[in-house]
Amino acid sequence: MADVKKMVDDTKEYFNELKLEMRRVTWPSRQQVESTTAVVIFSVFAFAGYFAIVDSVLGEGIHRVLNFFTK
C-alpha cells in the first residue's frame, strides 16, 4: 500500500512541476510562427526541386553510361 501512495504522490509532484515549467516557457508570437513556417515550407520546396534536378541529371548520366557499355 505504501508503494501505491508513493506512486500517487510522485505523480502529483510530477504534474505540479510540469505546470510550473510550462509557466516559464516563452511562447513565440503568431507572427514568428507564421514567418518560420513560411521559411520551412519554402526550404522544403527548394530542396525538393534541387534533389529532383540532381536525380534527373544523375539518372540520365547513368542511363547514358549503361547504354554506352551495352552496345
N, C-alpha and C. Protein backbone atom coordinates (compact mmCIF):
# COMPACT_ATOMS: atom_id res chain seq x y z
N MET A 1 0.81 -1.20 0.00
CA MET A 1 0.00 0.00 0.00
C MET A 1 0.86 1.27 0.00
N ALA A 2 2.01 1.16 0.63
CA ALA A 2 2.92 2.31 0.67
C ALA A 2 3.45 2.63 -0.73
N ASP A 3 3.64 1.59 -1.53
CA ASP A 3 4.13 1.80 -2.89
C ASP A 3 3.11 2.58 -3.73
N VAL A 4 1.83 2.25 -3.54
CA VAL A 4 0.78 2.94 -4.30
C VAL A 4 0.72 4.40 -3.88
N LYS A 5 0.80 4.67 -2.56
CA LYS A 5 0.77 6.05 -2.07
C LYS A 5 1.97 6.83 -2.60
N LYS A 6 3.15 6.21 -2.63
CA LYS A 6 4.34 6.88 -3.14
C LYS A 6 4.17 7.18 -4.63
N MET A 7 3.60 6.24 -5.36
CA MET A 7 3.40 6.45 -6.79
C MET A 7 2.42 7.60 -7.05
N VAL A 8 1.35 7.67 -6.25
CA VAL A 8 0.37 8.76 -6.40
C VAL A 8 1.03 10.09 -6.06
N ASP A 9 1.80 10.13 -4.98
CA ASP A 9 2.49 11.36 -4.59
C ASP A 9 3.50 11.79 -5.65
N ASP A 10 4.24 10.84 -6.20
CA ASP A 10 5.21 11.15 -7.26
C ASP A 10 4.51 11.70 -8.50
N THR A 11 3.36 11.13 -8.82
CA THR A 11 2.61 11.60 -9.99
C THR A 11 2.10 13.02 -9.78
N LYS A 12 1.58 13.30 -8.58
CA LYS A 12 1.13 14.66 -8.27
C LYS A 12 2.29 15.65 -8.34
N GLU A 13 3.43 15.27 -7.79
CA GLU A 13 4.60 16.14 -7.82
C GLU A 13 5.05 16.39 -9.26
N TYR A 14 5.01 15.35 -10.09
CA TYR A 14 5.40 15.50 -11.49
C TYR A 14 4.50 16.52 -12.19
N PHE A 15 3.19 16.41 -12.01
CA PHE A 15 2.28 17.33 -12.69
C PHE A 15 2.41 18.75 -12.14
N ASN A 16 2.67 18.90 -10.85
CA ASN A 16 2.89 20.24 -10.29
C ASN A 16 4.15 20.87 -10.88
N GLU A 17 5.21 20.10 -11.01
CA GLU A 17 6.43 20.60 -11.61
C GLU A 17 6.23 20.91 -13.09
N LEU A 18 5.44 20.09 -13.75
CA LEU A 18 5.13 20.31 -15.16
C LEU A 18 4.39 21.64 -15.36
N LYS A 19 3.40 21.91 -14.52
CA LYS A 19 2.67 23.18 -14.61
C LYS A 19 3.60 24.36 -14.37
N LEU A 20 4.47 24.23 -13.38
CA LEU A 20 5.42 25.30 -13.08
C LEU A 20 6.35 25.55 -14.26
N GLU A 21 6.85 24.50 -14.87
CA GLU A 21 7.76 24.64 -16.01
C GLU A 21 7.05 25.25 -17.22
N MET A 22 5.80 24.87 -17.44
CA MET A 22 5.05 25.42 -18.58
C MET A 22 4.80 26.91 -18.40
N ARG A 23 4.73 27.41 -17.17
CA ARG A 23 4.58 28.85 -16.95
C ARG A 23 5.86 29.60 -17.32
N ARG A 24 6.99 28.92 -17.27
CA ARG A 24 8.27 29.55 -17.57
C ARG A 24 8.58 29.60 -19.07
N VAL A 25 7.84 28.88 -19.85
CA VAL A 25 8.10 28.80 -21.28
C VAL A 25 7.79 30.13 -21.94
N THR A 26 8.69 30.56 -22.83
CA THR A 26 8.45 31.76 -23.62
C THR A 26 7.86 31.32 -24.96
N TRP A 27 6.60 31.61 -25.16
CA TRP A 27 5.91 31.17 -26.36
C TRP A 27 6.13 32.18 -27.48
N PRO A 28 6.33 31.71 -28.72
CA PRO A 28 6.51 32.63 -29.84
C PRO A 28 5.19 33.32 -30.19
N SER A 29 5.32 34.49 -30.80
CA SER A 29 4.12 35.21 -31.24
C SER A 29 3.59 34.55 -32.51
N ARG A 30 2.37 34.90 -32.86
CA ARG A 30 1.76 34.35 -34.08
C ARG A 30 2.59 34.73 -35.31
N GLN A 31 3.10 35.97 -35.34
CA GLN A 31 3.90 36.43 -36.47
C GLN A 31 5.19 35.60 -36.58
N GLN A 32 5.83 35.29 -35.47
CA GLN A 32 7.04 34.47 -35.51
C GLN A 32 6.75 33.07 -36.03
N VAL A 33 5.63 32.49 -35.59
CA VAL A 33 5.27 31.15 -36.05
C VAL A 33 4.97 31.16 -37.54
N GLU A 34 4.24 32.17 -38.00
CA GLU A 34 3.92 32.24 -39.44
C GLU A 34 5.17 32.43 -40.28
N SER A 35 6.09 33.28 -39.83
CA SER A 35 7.29 33.53 -40.65
C SER A 35 8.20 32.31 -40.67
N THR A 36 8.38 31.64 -39.55
CA THR A 36 9.24 30.45 -39.56
C THR A 36 8.59 29.31 -40.33
N THR A 37 7.27 29.23 -40.29
CA THR A 37 6.57 28.21 -41.08
C THR A 37 6.76 28.47 -42.57
N ALA A 38 6.68 29.73 -42.97
CA ALA A 38 6.89 30.08 -44.38
C ALA A 38 8.31 29.73 -44.81
N VAL A 39 9.29 29.98 -43.96
CA VAL A 39 10.68 29.64 -44.28
C VAL A 39 10.83 28.13 -44.45
N VAL A 40 10.22 27.37 -43.56
CA VAL A 40 10.31 25.91 -43.64
C VAL A 40 9.65 25.39 -44.91
N ILE A 41 8.47 25.89 -45.24
CA ILE A 41 7.77 25.43 -46.45
C ILE A 41 8.58 25.79 -47.70
N PHE A 42 9.10 27.00 -47.76
CA PHE A 42 9.93 27.40 -48.90
C PHE A 42 11.17 26.51 -49.00
N SER A 43 11.82 26.23 -47.88
CA SER A 43 13.03 25.39 -47.88
C SER A 43 12.73 23.98 -48.36
N VAL A 44 11.61 23.44 -47.93
CA VAL A 44 11.24 22.09 -48.36
C VAL A 44 11.06 22.04 -49.87
N PHE A 45 10.35 23.01 -50.43
CA PHE A 45 10.15 23.02 -51.88
C PHE A 45 11.45 23.29 -52.63
N ALA A 46 12.31 24.15 -52.08
CA ALA A 46 13.59 24.43 -52.73
C ALA A 46 14.46 23.18 -52.76
N PHE A 47 14.55 22.48 -51.64
CA PHE A 47 15.34 21.25 -51.60
C PHE A 47 14.73 20.16 -52.48
N ALA A 48 13.41 20.09 -52.52
CA ALA A 48 12.75 19.10 -53.38
C ALA A 48 13.09 19.37 -54.84
N GLY A 49 13.05 20.63 -55.24
CA GLY A 49 13.42 20.98 -56.62
C GLY A 49 14.88 20.67 -56.91
N TYR A 50 15.75 21.01 -55.97
CA TYR A 50 17.18 20.72 -56.14
C TYR A 50 17.42 19.23 -56.30
N PHE A 51 16.82 18.44 -55.42
CA PHE A 51 17.04 16.99 -55.48
C PHE A 51 16.40 16.38 -56.73
N ALA A 52 15.30 16.95 -57.21
CA ALA A 52 14.69 16.45 -58.45
C ALA A 52 15.63 16.70 -59.62
N ILE A 53 16.24 17.86 -59.66
CA ILE A 53 17.19 18.17 -60.74
C ILE A 53 18.41 17.26 -60.65
N VAL A 54 18.98 17.12 -59.47
CA VAL A 54 20.16 16.26 -59.30
C VAL A 54 19.82 14.82 -59.66
N ASP A 55 18.63 14.36 -59.25
CA ASP A 55 18.21 12.99 -59.55
C ASP A 55 18.07 12.79 -61.06
N SER A 56 17.48 13.73 -61.74
CA SER A 56 17.31 13.56 -63.19
C SER A 56 18.64 13.61 -63.92
N VAL A 57 19.55 14.50 -63.49
CA VAL A 57 20.87 14.59 -64.13
C VAL A 57 21.65 13.29 -63.90
N LEU A 58 21.68 12.82 -62.67
CA LEU A 58 22.41 11.58 -62.39
C LEU A 58 21.76 10.38 -63.07
N GLY A 59 20.44 10.35 -63.08
CA GLY A 59 19.74 9.25 -63.75
C GLY A 59 20.04 9.21 -65.24
N GLU A 60 20.02 10.37 -65.87
CA GLU A 60 20.35 10.43 -67.30
C GLU A 60 21.80 10.05 -67.55
N GLY A 61 22.70 10.51 -66.68
CA GLY A 61 24.11 10.15 -66.82
C GLY A 61 24.34 8.66 -66.70
N ILE A 62 23.72 8.04 -65.72
CA ILE A 62 23.86 6.59 -65.54
C ILE A 62 23.23 5.87 -66.72
N HIS A 63 22.11 6.34 -67.19
CA HIS A 63 21.46 5.73 -68.35
C HIS A 63 22.38 5.77 -69.58
N ARG A 64 23.03 6.89 -69.81
CA ARG A 64 23.93 7.02 -70.96
C ARG A 64 25.16 6.13 -70.81
N VAL A 65 25.71 6.04 -69.60
CA VAL A 65 26.86 5.18 -69.37
C VAL A 65 26.50 3.72 -69.61
N LEU A 66 25.35 3.30 -69.08
CA LEU A 66 24.92 1.92 -69.28
C LEU A 66 24.65 1.62 -70.76
N ASN A 67 24.04 2.55 -71.48
CA ASN A 67 23.81 2.35 -72.91
C ASN A 67 25.12 2.29 -73.68
N PHE A 68 26.09 3.07 -73.26
CA PHE A 68 27.40 3.07 -73.94
C PHE A 68 28.06 1.70 -73.81
N PHE A 69 28.02 1.11 -72.63
CA PHE A 69 28.70 -0.17 -72.40
C PHE A 69 27.91 -1.37 -72.86
N THR A 70 26.62 -1.24 -73.10
CA THR A 70 25.83 -2.37 -73.55
C THR A 70 25.76 -2.46 -75.07
N LYS A 71 26.26 -1.47 -75.79
CA LYS A 71 26.22 -1.50 -77.25
C LYS A 71 27.47 -2.11 -77.80
